[in-house]
Structures are given as C-alpha cells and as structure tokens.
Amino acid sequence: MNSLKAEDTAVYYCNARYRGGYWGQGTQV
C-alpha cells in the first residue's frame, strides 16, 4: 500500500476463496 490516505484507515482482512471462504483475524491500518 503506497500513497496512503486517511480514508484508507480500516481493519484489513485476508480472505481465501477456498470452499465457503475463510477469513483472517484482521490487522488495523
């Protein structure tokens, strides 16, 4: 992530398109 803006502030989650889909716990940016 480059040239970050205030509106990019969020919890970011990883998702695997495996079976029904899996999620990570998230990381705050």
PDB file of all heavy atoms in Angstrom:
ATOM      1  N   MET A   1       0.856  -1.189   0.000  1.00  0.00           N
ATOM      2  CA  MET A   1       0.000   0.000   0.000  1.00  0.00           C
ATOM      3  C   MET A   1       0.889   1.235   0.000  1.00  0.00           C
ATOM      4  O   MET A   1       1.641   1.463   0.943  1.00  0.00           O
ATOM      5  CB  MET A   1      -0.907  -0.008   1.224  1.00  0.00           C
ATOM      6  CG  MET A   1      -1.740  -1.270   1.359  1.00  0.00           C
ATOM      7  SD  MET A   1      -2.928  -1.200   2.726  1.00  0.00           S
ATOM      8  CE  MET A   1      -1.817  -1.121   4.116  1.00  0.00           C
ATOM      9  N   ASN A   2       0.801   2.008  -1.075  1.00  0.00           N
ATOM     10  CA  ASN A   2       1.575   3.246  -1.213  1.00  0.00           C
ATOM     11  C   ASN A   2       0.639   4.449  -1.272  1.00  0.00           C
ATOM     12  O   ASN A   2      -0.563   4.297  -1.492  1.00  0.00           O
ATOM     13  CB  ASN A   2       2.418   3.189  -2.485  1.00  0.00           C
ATOM     14  CG  ASN A   2       3.424   2.057  -2.483  1.00  0.00           C
ATOM     15  OD1 ASN A   2       3.932   1.660  -1.432  1.00  0.00           O
ATOM     16  ND2 ASN A   2       3.721   1.522  -3.655  1.00  0.00           N
ATOM     17  N   SER A   3       1.203   5.609  -1.073  1.00  0.00           N
ATOM     18  CA  SER A   3       0.429   6.863  -1.139  1.00  0.00           C
ATOM     19  C   SER A   3      -0.841   6.770  -0.303  1.00  0.00           C
ATOM     20  O   SER A   3      -1.938   7.117  -0.749  1.00  0.00           O
ATOM     21  CB  SER A   3       0.079   7.197  -2.597  1.00  0.00           C
ATOM     22  OG  SER A   3       1.242   7.301  -3.386  1.00  0.00           O
ATOM     23  N   LEU A   4      -0.674   6.315   0.923  1.00  0.00           N
ATOM     24  CA  LEU A   4      -1.837   6.078   1.782  1.00  0.00           C
ATOM     25  C   LEU A   4      -2.543   7.377   2.128  1.00  0.00           C
ATOM     26  O   LEU A   4      -1.918   8.431   2.291  1.00  0.00           O
ATOM     27  CB  LEU A   4      -1.402   5.347   3.045  1.00  0.00           C
ATOM     28  CG  LEU A   4      -1.166   3.836   2.832  1.00  0.00           C
ATOM     29  CD1 LEU A   4      -0.300   3.262   3.943  1.00  0.00           C
ATOM     30  CD2 LEU A   4      -2.492   3.101   2.750  1.00  0.00           C
ATOM     31  N   LYS A   5      -3.869   7.260   2.235  1.00  0.00           N
ATOM     32  CA  LYS A   5      -4.733   8.391   2.554  1.00  0.00           C
ATOM     33  C   LYS A   5      -5.493   8.101   3.847  1.00  0.00           C
ATOM     34  O   LYS A   5      -5.646   6.936   4.228  1.00  0.00           O
ATOM     35  CB  LYS A   5      -5.732   8.618   1.418  1.00  0.00           C
ATOM     36  CG  LYS A   5      -5.120   8.777   0.044  1.00  0.00           C
ATOM     37  CD  LYS A   5      -6.205   8.865  -1.019  1.00  0.00           C
ATOM     38  CE  LYS A   5      -5.623   8.997  -2.417  1.00  0.00           C
ATOM     39  NZ  LYS A   5      -6.683   9.081  -3.447  1.00  0.00           N
ATOM     40  N   ALA A   6      -6.015   9.145   4.447  1.00  0.00           N
ATOM     41  CA  ALA A   6      -6.780   8.965   5.679  1.00  0.00           C
ATOM     42  C   ALA A   6      -7.954   8.008   5.462  1.00  0.00           C
ATOM     43  O   ALA A   6      -8.297   7.221   6.344  1.00  0.00           O
ATOM     44  CB  ALA A   6      -7.272  10.314   6.177  1.00  0.00           C
ATOM     45  N   GLU A   7      -8.537   8.062   4.284  1.00  0.00           N
ATOM     46  CA  GLU A   7      -9.699   7.199   4.002  1.00  0.00           C
ATOM     47  C   GLU A   7      -9.343   5.732   3.814  1.00  0.00           C
ATOM     48  O   GLU A   7     -10.218   4.895   3.667  1.00  0.00           O
ATOM     49  CB  GLU A   7     -10.470   7.708   2.782  1.00  0.00           C
ATOM     50  CG  GLU A   7      -9.620   7.984   1.554  1.00  0.00           C
ATOM     51  CD  GLU A   7      -9.231   9.449   1.450  1.00  0.00           C
ATOM     52  OE1 GLU A   7      -8.869  10.070   2.483  1.00  0.00           O
ATOM     53  OE2 GLU A   7      -9.284   9.976   0.319  1.00  0.00           O
ATOM     54  N   ASP A   8      -8.058   5.416   3.814  1.00  0.00           N
ATOM     55  CA  ASP A   8      -7.638   4.013   3.792  1.00  0.00           C
ATOM     56  C   ASP A   8      -7.641   3.404   5.189  1.00  0.00           C
ATOM     57  O   ASP A   8      -7.426   2.187   5.333  1.00  0.00           O
ATOM     58  CB  ASP A   8      -6.232   3.892   3.206  1.00  0.00           C
ATOM     59  CG  ASP A   8      -6.164   4.296   1.738  1.00  0.00           C
ATOM     60  OD1 ASP A   8      -7.072   3.926   0.980  1.00  0.00           O
ATOM     61  OD2 ASP A   8      -5.189   4.990   1.372  1.00  0.00           O
ATOM     62  N   THR A   9      -7.875   4.204   6.203  1.00  0.00           N
ATOM     63  CA  THR A   9      -7.925   3.706   7.574  1.00  0.00           C
ATOM     64  C   THR A   9      -9.040   2.680   7.730  1.00  0.00           C
ATOM     65  O   THR A   9     -10.198   2.951   7.410  1.00  0.00           O
ATOM     66  CB  THR A   9      -8.143   4.864   8.554  1.00  0.00           C
ATOM     67  OG1 THR A   9      -7.012   5.728   8.509  1.00  0.00           O
ATOM     68  CG2 THR A   9      -8.337   4.344   9.976  1.00  0.00           C
ATOM     69  N   ALA A  10      -8.683   1.487   8.190  1.00  0.00           N
ATOM     70  CA  ALA A  10      -9.644   0.396   8.315  1.00  0.00           C
ATOM     71  C   ALA A  10      -8.942  -0.811   8.921  1.00  0.00           C
ATOM     72  O   ALA A  10      -7.710  -0.827   9.042  1.00  0.00           O
ATOM     73  CB  ALA A  10     -10.210   0.020   6.944  1.00  0.00           C
ATOM     74  N   VAL A  11      -9.734  -1.808   9.258  1.00  0.00           N
ATOM     75  CA  VAL A  11      -9.182  -3.121   9.551  1.00  0.00           C
ATOM     76  C   VAL A  11      -9.138  -3.885   8.231  1.00  0.00           C
ATOM     77  O   VAL A  11     -10.142  -3.956   7.513  1.00  0.00           O
ATOM     78  CB  VAL A  11     -10.032  -3.889  10.585  1.00  0.00           C
ATOM     79  CG1 VAL A  11      -9.440  -5.268  10.828  1.00  0.00           C
ATOM     80  CG2 VAL A  11     -10.115  -3.096  11.886  1.00  0.00           C
ATOM     81  N   TYR A  12      -7.969  -4.419   7.932  1.00  0.00           N
ATOM     82  CA  TYR A  12      -7.763  -5.139   6.687  1.00  0.00           C
ATOM     83  C   TYR A  12      -7.789  -6.643   6.953  1.00  0.00           C
ATOM     84  O   TYR A  12      -7.101  -7.133   7.859  1.00  0.00           O
ATOM     85  CB  TYR A  12      -6.441  -4.724   6.047  1.00  0.00           C
ATOM     86  CG  TYR A  12      -6.532  -3.377   5.377  1.00  0.00           C
ATOM     87  CD1 TYR A  12      -6.639  -2.206   6.132  1.00  0.00           C
ATOM     88  CD2 TYR A  12      -6.536  -3.252   3.993  1.00  0.00           C
ATOM     89  CE1 TYR A  12      -6.745  -0.960   5.530  1.00  0.00           C
ATOM     90  CE2 TYR A  12      -6.641  -2.017   3.371  1.00  0.00           C
ATOM     91  CZ  TYR A  12      -6.746  -0.878   4.145  1.00  0.00           C
ATOM     92  OH  TYR A  12      -6.855   0.359   3.538  1.00  0.00           O
ATOM     93  N   TYR A  13      -8.567  -7.354   6.136  1.00  0.00           N
ATOM     94  CA  TYR A  13      -8.740  -8.792   6.298  1.00  0.00           C
ATOM     95  C   TYR A  13      -8.272  -9.544   5.063  1.00  0.00           C
ATOM     96  O   TYR A  13      -8.530  -9.135   3.925  1.00  0.00           O
ATOM     97  CB  TYR A  13     -10.217  -9.126   6.510  1.00  0.00           C
ATOM     98  CG  TYR A  13     -10.820  -8.543   7.755  1.00  0.00           C
ATOM     99  CD1 TYR A  13     -11.440  -7.298   7.743  1.00  0.00           C
ATOM    100  CD2 TYR A  13     -10.794  -9.249   8.958  1.00  0.00           C
ATOM    101  CE1 TYR A  13     -12.008  -6.767   8.877  1.00  0.00           C
ATOM    102  CE2 TYR A  13     -11.363  -8.720  10.107  1.00  0.00           C
ATOM    103  CZ  TYR A  13     -11.963  -7.479  10.057  1.00  0.00           C
ATOM    104  OH  TYR A  13     -12.526  -6.953  11.191  1.00  0.00           O
ATOM    105  N   CYS A  14      -7.643 -10.657   5.309  1.00  0.00           N
ATOM    106  CA  CYS A  14      -7.253 -11.580   4.260  1.00  0.00           C
ATOM    107  C   CYS A  14      -8.386 -12.589   4.056  1.00  0.00           C
ATOM    108  O   CYS A  14      -9.020 -13.025   5.025  1.00  0.00           O
ATOM    109  CB  CYS A  14      -5.969 -12.292   4.702  1.00  0.00           C
ATOM    110  SG  CYS A  14      -5.363 -13.554   3.610  1.00  0.00           S
ATOM    111  N   ASN A  15      -8.628 -12.955   2.818  1.00  0.00           N
ATOM    112  CA  ASN A  15      -9.690 -13.909   2.500  1.00  0.00           C
ATOM    113  C   ASN A  15      -9.172 -14.972   1.554  1.00  0.00           C
ATOM    114  O   ASN A  15      -8.493 -14.662   0.570  1.00  0.00           O
ATOM    115  CB  ASN A  15     -10.868 -13.175   1.860  1.00  0.00           C
ATOM    116  CG  ASN A  15     -11.934 -14.115   1.342  1.00  0.00           C
ATOM    117  OD1 ASN A  15     -11.992 -14.415   0.161  1.00  0.00           O
ATOM    118  ND2 ASN A  15     -12.785 -14.574   2.239  1.00  0.00           N
ATOM    119  N   ALA A  16      -9.493 -16.216   1.856  1.00  0.00           N
ATOM    120  CA  ALA A  16      -9.140 -17.331   0.982  1.00  0.00           C
ATOM    121  C   ALA A  16     -10.407 -17.812   0.288  1.00  0.00           C
ATOM    122  O   ALA A  16     -11.403 -18.122   0.939  1.00  0.00           O
ATOM    123  CB  ALA A  16      -8.527 -18.464   1.792  1.00  0.00           C
ATOM    124  N   ARG A  17     -10.356 -17.878  -1.048  1.00  0.00           N
ATOM    125  CA  ARG A  17     -11.508 -18.344  -1.817  1.00  0.00           C
ATOM    126  C   ARG A  17     -11.496 -19.872  -1.872  1.00  0.00           C
ATOM    127  O   ARG A  17     -11.469 -20.484  -2.932  1.00  0.00           O
ATOM    128  CB  ARG A  17     -11.449 -17.744  -3.222  1.00  0.00           C
ATOM    129  CG  ARG A  17     -11.355 -16.223  -3.250  1.00  0.00           C
ATOM    130  CD  ARG A  17     -12.681 -15.591  -2.959  1.00  0.00           C
ATOM    131  NE  ARG A  17     -12.620 -14.123  -2.901  1.00  0.00           N
ATOM    132  CZ  ARG A  17     -12.875 -13.326  -3.924  1.00  0.00           C
ATOM    133  NH1 ARG A  17     -13.177 -13.827  -5.111  1.00  0.00           N
ATOM    134  NH2 ARG A  17     -12.821 -12.015  -3.788  1.00  0.00           N
ATOM    135  N   TYR A  18     -11.487 -20.464  -0.705  1.00  0.00           N
ATOM    136  CA  TYR A  18     -11.425 -21.909  -0.534  1.00  0.00           C
ATOM    137  C   TYR A  18     -12.729 -22.365   0.096  1.00  0.00           C
ATOM    138  O   TYR A  18     -13.129 -21.867   1.142  1.00  0.00           O
ATOM    139  CB  TYR A  18     -10.235 -22.254   0.356  1.00  0.00           C
ATOM    140  CG  TYR A  18     -10.169 -23.697   0.817  1.00  0.00           C
ATOM    141  CD1 TYR A  18      -9.974 -24.721  -0.088  1.00  0.00           C
ATOM    142  CD2 TYR A  18     -10.281 -24.013   2.174  1.00  0.00           C
ATOM    143  CE1 TYR A  18      -9.899 -26.040   0.338  1.00  0.00           C
ATOM    144  CE2 TYR A  18     -10.199 -25.308   2.603  1.00  0.00           C
ATOM    145  CZ  TYR A  18     -10.003 -26.340   1.678  1.00  0.00           C
ATOM    146  OH  TYR A  18      -9.919 -27.644   2.096  1.00  0.00           O
ATOM    147  N   ARG A  19     -13.417 -23.313  -0.589  1.00  0.00           N
ATOM    148  CA  ARG A  19     -14.717 -23.791  -0.122  1.00  0.00           C
ATOM    149  C   ARG A  19     -15.618 -22.582   0.117  1.00  0.00           C
ATOM    150  O   ARG A  19     -15.839 -21.790  -0.782  1.00  0.00           O
ATOM    151  CB  ARG A  19     -14.542 -24.664   1.107  1.00  0.00           C
ATOM    152  CG  ARG A  19     -13.806 -25.965   0.783  1.00  0.00           C
ATOM    153  CD  ARG A  19     -13.769 -26.915   1.952  1.00  0.00           C
ATOM    154  NE  ARG A  19     -13.129 -28.173   1.565  1.00  0.00           N
ATOM    155  CZ  ARG A  19     -12.907 -29.178   2.404  1.00  0.00           C
ATOM    156  NH1 ARG A  19     -13.279 -29.095   3.656  1.00  0.00           N
ATOM    157  NH2 ARG A  19     -12.311 -30.275   1.979  1.00  0.00           N
ATOM    158  N   GLY A  20     -16.172 -22.444   1.297  1.00  0.00           N
ATOM    159  CA  GLY A  20     -17.085 -21.340   1.555  1.00  0.00           C
ATOM    160  C   GLY A  20     -16.408 -20.021   1.845  1.00  0.00           C
ATOM    161  O   GLY A  20     -17.080 -18.995   2.002  1.00  0.00           O
ATOM    162  N   GLY A  21     -15.078 -20.036   1.883  1.00  0.00           N
ATOM    163  CA  GLY A  21     -14.354 -18.808   2.165  1.00  0.00           C
ATOM    164  C   GLY A  21     -13.895 -18.748   3.610  1.00  0.00           C
ATOM    165  O   GLY A  21     -14.650 -19.104   4.523  1.00  0.00           O
ATOM    166  N   TYR A  22     -12.672 -18.331   3.801  1.00  0.00           N
ATOM    167  CA  TYR A  22     -12.104 -18.202   5.135  1.00  0.00           C
ATOM    168  C   TYR A  22     -11.527 -16.804   5.304  1.00  0.00           C
ATOM    169  O   TYR A  22     -11.065 -16.198   4.336  1.00  0.00           O
ATOM    170  CB  TYR A  22     -11.009 -19.255   5.368  1.00  0.00           C
ATOM    171  CG  TYR A  22     -11.546 -20.645   5.560  1.00  0.00           C
ATOM    172  CD1 TYR A  22     -11.824 -21.453   4.461  1.00  0.00           C
ATOM    173  CD2 TYR A  22     -11.793 -21.151   6.835  1.00  0.00           C
ATOM    174  CE1 TYR A  22     -12.334 -22.733   4.628  1.00  0.00           C
ATOM    175  CE2 TYR A  22     -12.296 -22.430   7.006  1.00  0.00           C
ATOM    176  CZ  TYR A  22     -12.566 -23.217   5.897  1.00  0.00           C
ATOM    177  OH  TYR A  22     -13.069 -24.479   6.071  1.00  0.00           O
ATOM    178  N   TRP A  23     -11.525 -16.349   6.581  1.00  0.00           N
ATOM    179  CA  TRP A  23     -11.053 -15.011   6.902  1.00  0.00           C
ATOM    180  C   TRP A  23      -9.970 -15.055   7.950  1.00  0.00           C
ATOM    181  O   TRP A  23      -9.998 -15.920   8.841  1.00  0.00           O
ATOM    182  CB  TRP A  23     -12.209 -14.163   7.435  1.00  0.00           C
ATOM    183  CG  TRP A  23     -13.302 -13.940   6.448  1.00  0.00           C
ATOM    184  CD1 TRP A  23     -14.422 -14.691   6.279  1.00  0.00           C
ATOM    185  CD2 TRP A  23     -13.378 -12.886   5.487  1.00  0.00           C
ATOM    186  NE1 TRP A  23     -15.187 -14.176   5.268  1.00  0.00           N
ATOM    187  CE2 TRP A  23     -14.574 -13.069   4.769  1.00  0.00           C
ATOM    188  CE3 TRP A  23     -12.555 -11.814   5.166  1.00  0.00           C
ATOM    189  CZ2 TRP A  23     -14.971 -12.206   3.745  1.00  0.00           C
ATOM    190  CZ3 TRP A  23     -12.947 -10.954   4.139  1.00  0.00           C
ATOM    191  CH2 TRP A  23     -14.139 -11.153   3.451  1.00  0.00           C
ATOM    192  N   GLY A  24      -9.057 -14.107   7.871  1.00  0.00           N
ATOM    193  CA  GLY A  24      -8.123 -13.899   8.944  1.00  0.00           C
ATOM    194  C   GLY A  24      -8.739 -13.048  10.031  1.00  0.00           C
ATOM    195  O   GLY A  24      -9.911 -12.642   9.942  1.00  0.00           O
ATOM    196  N   GLN A  25      -7.940 -12.748  11.058  1.00  0.00           N
ATOM    197  CA  GLN A  25      -8.458 -12.001  12.202  1.00  0.00           C
ATOM    198  C   GLN A  25      -8.440 -10.508  11.966  1.00  0.00           C
ATOM    199  O   GLN A  25      -9.082  -9.750  12.710  1.00  0.00           O
ATOM    200  CB  GLN A  25      -7.638 -12.349  13.450  1.00  0.00           C
ATOM    201  CG  GLN A  25      -6.324 -11.580  13.605  1.00  0.00           C
ATOM    202  CD  GLN A  25      -5.228 -12.043  12.659  1.00  0.00           C
ATOM    203  OE1 GLN A  25      -5.382 -13.033  11.925  1.00  0.00           O
ATOM    204  NE2 GLN A  25      -4.101 -11.346  12.670  1.00  0.00           N
ATOM    205  N   GLY A  26      -7.728 -10.071  10.934  1.00  0.00           N
ATOM    206  CA  GLY A  26      -7.668  -8.658  10.596  1.00  0.00           C
ATOM    207  C   GLY A  26      -6.467  -7.963  11.205  1.00  0.00           C
ATOM    208  O   GLY A  26      -5.957  -8.369  12.253  1.00  0.00           O
ATOM    209  N   THR A  27      -6.031  -6.910  10.523  1.00  0.00           N
ATOM    210  CA  THR A  27      -4.943  -6.077  11.028  1.00  0.00           C
ATOM    211  C   THR A  27      -5.325  -4.611  10.809  1.00  0.00           C
ATOM    212  O   THR A  27      -5.814  -4.240   9.739  1.00  0.00           O
ATOM    213  CB  THR A  27      -3.609  -6.433  10.331  1.00  0.00           C
ATOM    214  OG1 THR A  27      -2.541  -5.692  10.931  1.00  0.00           O
ATOM    215  CG2 THR A  27      -3.630  -6.160   8.835  1.00  0.00           C
ATOM    216  N   GLN A  28      -5.113  -3.810  11.835  1.00  0.00           N
ATOM    217  CA  GLN A  28      -5.531  -2.410  11.795  1.00  0.00           C
ATOM    218  C   GLN A  28      -4.521  -1.570  11.014  1.00  0.00           C
ATOM    219  O   GLN A  28      -3.319  -1.642  11.272  1.00  0.00           O
ATOM    220  CB  GLN A  28      -5.662  -1.858  13.207  1.00  0.00           C
ATOM    221  CG  GLN A  28      -6.009  -0.375  13.283  1.00  0.00           C
ATOM    222  CD  GLN A  28      -7.426  -0.083  12.839  1.00  0.00           C
ATOM    223  OE1 GLN A  28      -8.365  -0.752  13.257  1.00  0.00           O
ATOM    224  NE2 GLN A  28      -7.589   0.931  11.993  1.00  0.00           N
ATOM    225  N   VAL A  29      -5.040  -0.769  10.102  1.00  0.00           N
ATOM    226  CA  VAL A  29      -4.232   0.231   9.396  1.00  0.00           C
ATOM    227  C   VAL A  29      -4.828   1.594   9.702  1.00  0.00           C
ATOM    228  O   VAL A  29      -6.011   1.821   9.459  1.00  0.00           O
ATOM    229  CB  VAL A  29      -4.229  -0.024   7.879  1.00  0.00           C
ATOM    230  CG1 VAL A  29      -3.564   1.137   7.141  1.00  0.00           C
ATOM    231  CG2 VAL A  29      -3.517  -1.329   7.558  1.00  0.00           C
TER     232      VAL A  29
END
